[in-house]
Amino acid sequence: MQKEAREAFNRLFTEKKYQEFVKSIEASFPGSLDFRVAETPVFVPADLKAKLLEASEDIIATILSDGFKEKNDRAVPPGQRVPGENAHSSFLAIDYAICKDESGELVPQLIELQGFPSIFGYQAFLSESFRKHFDVPENFDYCFGADSYETYAKKLKRLILGNEDPENVILLEIFPDKQKTRIDFEVTEQMLGIKPVCYTKLIREGRQLFYYQNGRKIQVKRIYNRLIFDDLLNYPELQTNYHFTDDVDVAWVGHPNWFFRISKFIMPYLSGKYVPETRFVSDYQNDFPSDLENYVLKPLFSFAGSGVNLHVTRPILKALPDPQNYILQKKVKYEPIIQAPDGLVKCEIRLMYGWEDKAAKPELLISLSRLSRGEMIGVRFNKDFTWVGGSATFFE
């Protein structure tokens, strides 16, 4: 997006460089890279960076406002409320489409947000890899409030480990070795010293949790949660010693309840020039907009784009059995703005925040970007394309 940086990168880009770059990632973590890495990072100009930060500050102000937690109490589904909820989310991830306004200026438009951790480890590793293999201008940085990979890792360690020994902190997932994001688990283990542990391997004894490592029974005192508990519905026959709603003596980093509280659920409560019009379907009381072709329908309780309907009709809306659990959001037009050798590519940027328990507000740590030529951002909409996929973001 930043003209000079883009032109310089494209001028020096070769397919051989890209293949060597990808091979270096695969060599560092064999068998773990399970999604496409784009050929280029995103270079964000200073004026767009300022708008992204402004948009997020407005959203954070709403999250910090009086009565916010009471408004979203319904967001936590019955039967999925986990004990031990902390005062605020440990993480915040905010997704923006990059668009153009009426005057042709680049602007962010909110797509989604979540009180859930993203790929904090992998994004730092990926950004460093881009710097090693390509010429990234020195006046562009990928992290915030940290001047090096090591400083960034220290911030992440303080957030996730707190004062605990790494062996007493686990990264929790369901079958972590089968997850598409497993490369992030490996980077995180290398960076912080914490093991990915499968939900099925946790052992509860009274109010304490344990896991086994090399024949040793180790107490779990802190959980870096990467498990979306809705995913457990995909395993109806799952037998476990511990159930996530059990009241146990652990501290959660990324408490499961905040995944629901800060989510699509709060979008109808947000407003501003960077937030598209969004309402609960139930609020329309069947008096739907006449231009439904300009709206997208999203279920509140879904992840990674599942259940999103880009082609909304009145019969679809009227047939919803639980309209209070869906939002109707004004479509935004992703502007193809990143120059690839064979055309322009759309872009989405996620700003990723950490929020220590005693901190007054979240702190922006890093970001990710996703490049697309398809109807939506995501792997299944970009098959057989180049210059698409997950990437790093460098800010002027």
Protein backbone atom coordinates (compact mmCIF):
# COMPACT_ATOMS: atom_id res chain seq x y z
CA MET A 1 0.00 0.00 0.00
CA GLN A 2 2.87 2.36 0.74
CA LYS A 3 3.94 3.25 -2.79
CA GLU A 4 7.74 3.40 -2.49
CA ALA A 5 8.03 0.28 -0.34
CA ARG A 6 5.69 -1.66 -2.66
CA GLU A 7 7.56 -0.67 -5.82
CA ALA A 8 10.93 -1.56 -4.30
CA PHE A 9 9.69 -4.94 -3.06
CA ASN A 10 8.10 -5.89 -6.39
CA ARG A 11 11.16 -4.80 -8.35
CA LEU A 12 13.42 -7.13 -6.36
CA PHE A 13 10.95 -10.01 -5.95
CA THR A 14 11.71 -13.35 -7.59
CA GLU A 15 9.87 -16.66 -7.39
CA LYS A 16 13.14 -18.28 -6.30
CA LYS A 17 13.36 -15.95 -3.30
CA TYR A 18 9.79 -16.79 -2.35
CA GLN A 19 10.37 -20.55 -2.57
CA GLU A 20 13.49 -20.26 -0.43
CA PHE A 21 11.53 -18.20 2.08
CA VAL A 22 8.76 -20.83 2.38
CA LYS A 23 11.29 -23.68 2.54
CA SER A 24 13.05 -21.93 5.43
CA ILE A 25 9.78 -21.82 7.40
CA GLU A 26 9.09 -25.48 6.65
CA ALA A 27 12.65 -26.42 7.62
CA SER A 28 12.32 -24.64 10.97
CA PHE A 29 9.07 -26.45 11.80
CA PRO A 30 8.84 -29.58 9.59
CA GLY A 31 5.31 -30.66 8.71
CA SER A 32 3.64 -27.82 10.61
CA LEU A 33 3.01 -25.16 7.95
CA ASP A 34 -0.54 -26.03 6.94
CA PHE A 35 -1.73 -22.83 5.23
CA ARG A 36 -0.55 -20.66 2.38
CA VAL A 37 1.91 -17.87 3.06
CA ALA A 38 1.53 -14.90 0.72
CA GLU A 39 4.42 -13.81 -1.48
CA THR A 40 4.55 -10.37 0.10
CA PRO A 41 4.07 -8.59 3.39
CA VAL A 42 1.76 -5.59 3.57
CA PHE A 43 3.38 -2.15 3.84
CA VAL A 44 1.00 0.17 5.69
CA PRO A 45 1.53 3.91 5.14
CA ALA A 46 1.57 6.26 8.13
CA ASP A 47 -1.83 7.84 7.43
CA LEU A 48 -3.62 4.47 7.25
CA LYS A 49 -1.79 3.31 10.39
CA ALA A 50 -3.19 6.35 12.20
CA LYS A 51 -6.73 5.50 11.07
CA LEU A 52 -6.38 1.88 12.19
CA LEU A 53 -5.24 2.99 15.62
CA GLU A 54 -8.04 5.55 15.85
CA ALA A 55 -10.65 2.94 14.92
CA SER A 56 -9.38 0.54 17.56
CA GLU A 57 -9.21 3.18 20.27
CA ASP A 58 -12.90 3.93 19.67
CA ILE A 59 -13.75 0.23 20.01
CA ILE A 60 -11.65 -0.12 23.17
CA ALA A 61 -13.44 2.89 24.66
CA THR A 62 -16.73 1.00 24.26
CA ILE A 63 -15.25 -2.12 25.88
CA LEU A 64 -14.04 0.01 28.82
CA SER A 65 -17.37 1.82 29.23
CA ASP A 66 -19.61 1.36 32.29
CA GLY A 67 -22.10 -1.46 31.93
CA PHE A 68 -20.29 -3.15 29.01
CA LYS A 69 -20.05 -6.52 30.76
CA GLU A 70 -23.73 -6.47 31.71
CA LYS A 71 -24.75 -5.78 28.09
CA ASN A 72 -23.00 -8.87 26.78
CA ASP A 73 -23.84 -11.34 29.52
CA ARG A 74 -26.25 -13.11 27.13
CA ALA A 75 -23.33 -13.74 24.78
CA VAL A 76 -22.05 -16.67 26.86
CA PRO A 77 -24.17 -19.68 25.81
CA PRO A 78 -25.99 -21.69 28.47
CA GLY A 79 -23.91 -24.66 29.50
CA GLN A 80 -20.65 -23.09 28.34
CA ARG A 81 -20.00 -20.61 31.14
CA VAL A 82 -16.61 -21.32 32.71
CA PRO A 83 -15.84 -20.47 36.37
CA GLY A 84 -12.97 -18.15 37.29
CA GLU A 85 -13.68 -15.38 34.78
CA ASN A 86 -11.29 -12.43 35.15
CA ALA A 87 -12.30 -8.76 35.04
CA HIS A 88 -11.50 -8.33 31.37
CA SER A 89 -10.26 -10.26 28.36
CA SER A 90 -6.55 -11.11 28.18
CA PHE A 91 -6.60 -10.63 24.41
CA LEU A 92 -8.25 -8.56 21.75
CA ALA A 93 -8.08 -9.17 17.99
CA ILE A 94 -9.74 -6.67 15.64
CA ASP A 95 -10.15 -7.37 11.91
CA TYR A 96 -10.38 -4.58 9.35
CA ALA A 97 -11.06 -4.63 5.64
CA ILE A 98 -8.98 -2.06 3.79
CA CYS A 99 -11.30 0.04 1.65
CA LYS A 100 -11.47 3.43 -0.04
CA ASP A 101 -13.73 6.28 1.02
CA GLU A 102 -15.62 8.66 -1.26
CA SER A 103 -12.53 10.80 -1.74
CA GLY A 104 -10.39 7.82 -2.73
CA GLU A 105 -8.46 7.66 0.58
CA LEU A 106 -7.62 4.31 2.14
CA VAL A 107 -9.74 3.60 5.24
CA PRO A 108 -10.26 0.62 7.55
CA GLN A 109 -13.71 -0.88 8.03
CA LEU A 110 -14.40 -3.19 10.95
CA ILE A 111 -15.20 -6.76 9.94
CA GLU A 112 -15.02 -8.68 13.22
CA LEU A 113 -13.43 -8.69 16.64
CA GLN A 114 -12.77 -11.29 19.29
CA GLY A 115 -11.61 -11.54 22.90
CA PHE A 116 -9.42 -14.50 22.02
CA PRO A 117 -5.71 -14.96 21.25
CA SER A 118 -4.46 -15.08 17.70
CA ILE A 119 -1.17 -16.43 16.36
CA PHE A 120 1.09 -14.18 18.44
CA GLY A 121 4.14 -16.44 18.22
CA TYR A 122 4.00 -17.29 14.55
CA GLN A 123 3.43 -13.70 13.41
CA ALA A 124 6.66 -12.53 15.02
CA PHE A 125 8.54 -15.49 13.51
CA LEU A 126 6.99 -14.85 10.08
CA SER A 127 7.82 -11.15 10.19
CA GLU A 128 11.44 -11.90 11.08
CA SER A 129 11.55 -14.42 8.22
CA PHE A 130 10.35 -11.79 5.74
CA ARG A 131 13.14 -9.47 6.90
CA LYS A 132 15.76 -12.21 6.42
CA HIS A 133 14.68 -13.15 2.89
CA PHE A 134 13.47 -9.87 1.41
CA ASP A 135 14.40 -6.21 1.57
CA VAL A 136 12.06 -4.59 4.09
CA PRO A 137 12.74 -0.86 4.56
CA GLU A 138 14.28 0.03 7.93
CA ASN A 139 11.59 2.62 8.68
CA PHE A 140 8.91 -0.09 8.77
CA ASP A 141 8.20 -2.12 11.93
CA TYR A 142 6.00 -5.14 12.58
CA CYS A 143 5.55 -4.87 16.35
CA PHE A 144 4.47 -2.12 18.70
CA GLY A 145 6.16 -1.05 21.92
CA ALA A 146 9.05 -3.43 21.28
CA ASP A 147 12.27 -2.74 19.37
CA SER A 148 13.24 -6.37 18.71
CA TYR A 149 11.98 -9.94 18.56
CA GLU A 150 13.53 -10.54 22.00
CA THR A 151 11.74 -7.57 23.57
CA TYR A 152 8.46 -8.68 22.01
CA ALA A 153 8.98 -12.22 23.37
CA LYS A 154 9.54 -10.79 26.87
CA LYS A 155 6.21 -8.92 26.69
CA LEU A 156 4.41 -12.06 25.56
CA LYS A 157 6.10 -14.12 28.27
CA ARG A 158 4.98 -11.69 30.99
CA LEU A 159 1.42 -11.73 29.66
CA ILE A 160 1.06 -15.50 29.24
CA LEU A 161 3.30 -16.94 31.97
CA GLY A 162 2.76 -14.30 34.64
CA ASN A 163 4.99 -15.41 37.53
CA GLU A 164 4.61 -19.14 36.92
CA ASP A 165 7.22 -21.64 35.84
CA PRO A 166 6.75 -22.52 32.13
CA GLU A 167 6.09 -26.20 32.90
CA ASN A 168 3.07 -25.18 35.00
CA VAL A 169 1.61 -23.20 32.10
CA ILE A 170 0.05 -24.98 29.12
CA LEU A 171 -1.29 -24.00 25.73
CA LEU A 172 -4.68 -25.72 25.64
CA GLU A 173 -6.24 -27.06 22.42
CA ILE A 174 -8.17 -30.08 21.22
CA PHE A 175 -5.83 -32.43 19.29
CA PRO A 176 -3.22 -29.65 18.84
CA ASP A 177 -1.09 -31.70 16.45
CA LYS A 178 -4.01 -31.72 13.95
CA GLN A 179 -4.82 -27.99 14.05
CA LYS A 180 -4.02 -25.81 11.04
CA THR A 181 -2.39 -23.30 13.39
CA ARG A 182 -0.09 -25.88 14.97
CA ILE A 183 2.99 -24.04 13.67
CA ASP A 184 2.06 -21.24 16.08
CA PHE A 185 1.98 -23.74 18.95
CA GLU A 186 5.52 -24.81 18.07
CA VAL A 187 6.79 -21.24 17.77
CA THR A 188 5.12 -20.41 21.10
CA GLU A 189 6.77 -23.40 22.78
CA GLN A 190 10.15 -22.33 21.41
CA MET A 191 9.57 -18.73 22.46
CA LEU A 192 7.99 -19.22 25.91
CA GLY A 193 8.79 -22.80 26.91
CA ILE A 194 5.15 -23.90 27.29
CA LYS A 195 3.77 -27.15 25.90
CA PRO A 196 0.63 -27.55 23.78
CA VAL A 197 -1.60 -29.96 25.71
CA CYS A 198 -4.72 -31.66 24.41
CA TYR A 199 -7.93 -31.12 26.35
CA THR A 200 -8.35 -34.92 26.54
CA LYS A 201 -5.02 -35.25 28.39
CA LEU A 202 -5.94 -33.07 31.36
CA ILE A 203 -6.45 -34.88 34.67
CA ARG A 204 -8.56 -33.40 37.46
CA GLU A 205 -7.90 -34.33 41.07
CA GLY A 206 -10.27 -32.35 43.27
CA ARG A 207 -9.72 -28.69 42.37
CA GLN A 208 -6.32 -29.27 40.74
CA LEU A 209 -5.41 -30.04 37.13
CA PHE A 210 -2.45 -32.06 35.90
CA TYR A 211 -0.87 -33.34 32.71
CA TYR A 212 1.83 -35.92 32.08
CA GLN A 213 5.14 -35.07 30.42
CA ASN A 214 7.81 -37.76 29.97
CA GLY A 215 6.23 -39.82 32.71
CA ARG A 216 6.02 -36.92 35.18
CA LYS A 217 2.73 -35.65 36.54
CA ILE A 218 2.86 -31.84 36.39
CA GLN A 219 0.34 -29.46 37.93
CA VAL A 220 -1.35 -26.93 35.64
CA LYS A 221 -1.51 -23.51 37.30
CA ARG A 222 -2.15 -21.33 34.27
CA ILE A 223 -3.85 -22.03 30.93
CA TYR A 224 -3.08 -20.12 27.73
CA ASN A 225 -6.37 -20.99 26.11
CA ARG A 226 -6.47 -21.64 22.37
CA LEU A 227 -9.46 -23.97 22.49
CA ILE A 228 -12.79 -22.70 21.20
CA PHE A 229 -15.09 -24.80 23.32
CA ASP A 230 -17.77 -24.81 20.64
CA ASP A 231 -15.38 -27.10 18.75
CA LEU A 232 -15.97 -29.81 21.31
CA LEU A 233 -19.48 -30.21 19.86
CA ASN A 234 -17.73 -31.83 16.87
CA TYR A 235 -16.67 -34.68 19.18
CA PRO A 236 -19.92 -35.89 20.83
CA GLU A 237 -18.31 -39.16 21.95
CA LEU A 238 -15.35 -37.45 23.63
CA GLN A 239 -14.59 -38.92 27.06
CA THR A 240 -12.51 -36.72 29.37
CA ASN A 241 -11.48 -36.65 33.00
CA TYR A 242 -11.85 -32.88 33.16
CA HIS A 243 -14.75 -30.83 31.81
CA PHE A 244 -14.17 -27.16 31.04
CA THR A 245 -17.06 -25.98 33.22
CA ASP A 246 -15.52 -27.69 36.29
CA ASP A 247 -14.48 -25.24 39.01
CA VAL A 248 -10.71 -25.72 39.35
CA ASP A 249 -7.77 -23.77 40.73
CA VAL A 250 -6.23 -22.44 37.53
CA ALA A 251 -5.73 -18.97 36.11
CA TRP A 252 -6.91 -18.52 32.53
CA VAL A 253 -5.00 -16.37 30.04
CA GLY A 254 -7.74 -15.86 27.56
CA HIS A 255 -10.69 -16.92 29.70
CA PRO A 256 -13.23 -18.87 27.56
CA ASN A 257 -16.14 -16.58 28.49
CA TRP A 258 -14.43 -13.61 26.84
CA PHE A 259 -14.43 -15.41 23.49
CA PHE A 260 -18.19 -14.89 23.50
CA ARG A 261 -18.36 -11.54 25.30
CA ILE A 262 -16.05 -9.77 22.83
CA SER A 263 -17.19 -11.08 19.50
CA LYS A 264 -19.67 -10.32 16.73
CA PHE A 265 -22.12 -10.01 19.62
CA ILE A 266 -20.92 -6.50 20.51
CA MET A 267 -20.88 -5.11 16.97
CA PRO A 268 -24.45 -3.71 17.19
CA TYR A 269 -23.22 -1.66 20.16
CA LEU A 270 -20.38 -0.07 18.17
CA SER A 271 -20.59 2.98 15.96
CA GLY A 272 -18.33 5.41 14.12
CA LYS A 273 -16.93 6.09 10.68
CA TYR A 274 -14.92 2.88 10.67
CA VAL A 275 -17.80 0.62 11.79
CA PRO A 276 -20.38 -0.55 9.22
CA GLU A 277 -24.03 -0.50 10.29
CA THR A 278 -24.75 -3.68 12.25
CA ARG A 279 -27.91 -4.86 14.03
CA PHE A 280 -29.26 -8.05 15.56
CA VAL A 281 -31.71 -9.65 13.11
CA SER A 282 -34.28 -9.77 15.92
CA ASP A 283 -34.17 -5.97 16.22
CA TYR A 284 -35.72 -5.54 12.78
CA GLN A 285 -38.94 -7.31 13.83
CA ASN A 286 -39.34 -8.47 10.19
CA ASP A 287 -39.03 -4.89 8.85
CA PHE A 288 -35.85 -5.67 6.94
CA PRO A 289 -33.90 -3.27 4.71
CA SER A 290 -35.12 -3.14 1.11
CA ASP A 291 -31.54 -3.43 -0.21
CA LEU A 292 -30.57 -6.74 1.38
CA GLU A 293 -28.04 -7.29 -1.43
CA ASN A 294 -25.92 -4.73 0.44
CA TYR A 295 -25.87 -6.74 3.67
CA VAL A 296 -24.15 -9.85 4.98
CA LEU A 297 -25.71 -12.26 7.48
CA LYS A 298 -23.47 -13.64 10.25
CA PRO A 299 -24.23 -16.11 13.04
CA LEU A 300 -22.97 -14.87 16.41
CA PHE A 301 -21.52 -18.17 17.51
CA SER A 302 -19.29 -19.28 14.67
CA PHE A 303 -15.62 -19.06 13.86
CA ALA A 304 -13.39 -18.66 10.79
CA GLY A 305 -16.19 -17.48 8.52
CA SER A 306 -18.44 -20.51 8.90
CA GLY A 307 -22.14 -19.82 8.40
CA VAL A 308 -21.64 -16.38 6.83
CA ASN A 309 -24.17 -15.64 4.06
CA LEU A 310 -23.24 -13.01 1.47
CA HIS A 311 -26.50 -13.38 -0.49
CA VAL A 312 -29.25 -12.52 1.99
CA THR A 313 -32.97 -12.70 1.21
CA ARG A 314 -36.12 -12.00 3.24
CA PRO A 315 -37.14 -15.71 3.29
CA ILE A 316 -33.71 -16.61 4.72
CA LEU A 317 -34.06 -14.03 7.49
CA LYS A 318 -37.67 -14.94 8.30
CA ALA A 319 -36.76 -18.63 8.52
CA LEU A 320 -34.10 -18.12 11.20
CA PRO A 321 -35.24 -19.99 14.33
CA ASP A 322 -33.18 -17.74 16.61
CA PRO A 323 -32.82 -14.30 14.97
CA GLN A 324 -31.39 -12.88 18.20
CA ASN A 325 -28.28 -14.97 17.52
CA TYR A 326 -27.57 -13.44 14.09
CA ILE A 327 -26.40 -10.03 12.96
CA LEU A 328 -27.10 -8.22 9.71
CA GLN A 329 -24.11 -6.14 8.74
CA LYS A 330 -23.76 -3.60 5.93
CA LYS A 331 -21.33 -4.95 3.37
CA VAL A 332 -18.02 -3.22 2.93
CA LYS A 333 -16.14 -3.19 -0.33
CA TYR A 334 -12.64 -4.53 -0.02
CA GLU A 335 -10.54 -2.39 -2.33
CA PRO A 336 -7.97 -4.31 -4.41
CA ILE A 337 -4.96 -2.19 -3.50
CA ILE A 338 -1.86 -4.36 -3.25
CA GLN A 339 -0.03 -4.53 -6.54
CA ALA A 340 0.93 -8.08 -7.51
CA PRO A 341 2.79 -8.83 -10.77
CA ASP A 342 -0.51 -9.83 -12.41
CA GLY A 343 -3.05 -7.47 -10.86
CA LEU A 344 -4.40 -6.04 -7.61
CA VAL A 345 -5.15 -7.94 -4.40
CA LYS A 346 -7.54 -7.26 -1.48
CA CYS A 347 -6.30 -7.00 2.07
CA GLU A 348 -7.52 -7.51 5.63
CA ILE A 349 -5.50 -6.48 8.69
CA ARG A 350 -5.89 -7.85 12.21
CA LEU A 351 -4.57 -5.77 15.11
CA MET A 352 -3.62 -8.05 18.02
CA TYR A 353 -3.67 -6.79 21.63
CA GLY A 354 -2.58 -8.23 24.95
CA TRP A 355 -4.23 -7.13 28.21
CA GLU A 356 -2.52 -7.94 31.48
CA ASP A 357 -4.86 -8.46 34.43
CA LYS A 358 -3.86 -5.27 36.25
CA ALA A 359 -3.53 -3.09 33.13
CA ALA A 360 -6.03 -0.30 32.55
CA LYS A 361 -6.46 -1.12 28.86
CA PRO A 362 -5.22 -3.47 26.11
CA GLU A 363 -1.79 -2.95 24.56
CA LEU A 364 -1.26 -3.35 20.80
CA LEU A 365 1.52 -5.90 20.29
CA ILE A 366 1.54 -7.08 16.68
CA SER A 367 -0.70 -7.66 13.66
CA LEU A 368 -1.34 -10.04 10.81
CA SER A 369 -2.63 -9.54 7.29
CA ARG A 370 -4.51 -11.74 4.86
CA LEU A 371 -4.50 -11.23 1.13
CA SER A 372 -7.34 -12.34 -1.12
CA ARG A 373 -8.60 -12.34 -4.69
CA GLY A 374 -11.78 -14.26 -3.84
CA GLU A 375 -15.24 -13.20 -2.73
CA MET A 376 -14.19 -13.54 0.91
CA ILE A 377 -10.94 -13.59 2.82
CA GLY A 378 -9.90 -17.17 3.56
CA VAL A 379 -8.27 -20.26 2.14
CA ARG A 380 -11.34 -21.82 0.55
CA PHE A 381 -12.05 -18.63 -1.43
CA ASN A 382 -8.50 -18.34 -2.81
CA LYS A 383 -7.60 -21.73 -4.20
CA ASP A 384 -5.18 -21.74 -7.15
CA PHE A 385 -4.30 -18.03 -6.75
CA THR A 386 -0.86 -16.55 -6.06
CA TRP A 387 -0.02 -13.50 -3.94
CA VAL A 388 -2.76 -14.50 -1.51
CA GLY A 389 -2.77 -16.05 1.96
CA GLY A 390 -1.58 -15.17 5.42
CA SER A 391 1.14 -12.59 5.77
CA ALA A 392 2.95 -10.08 7.96
CA THR A 393 2.26 -6.37 8.23
CA PHE A 394 4.95 -3.68 8.38
CA PHE A 395 3.90 -0.20 9.47
CA GLU A 396 5.61 2.99 8.31
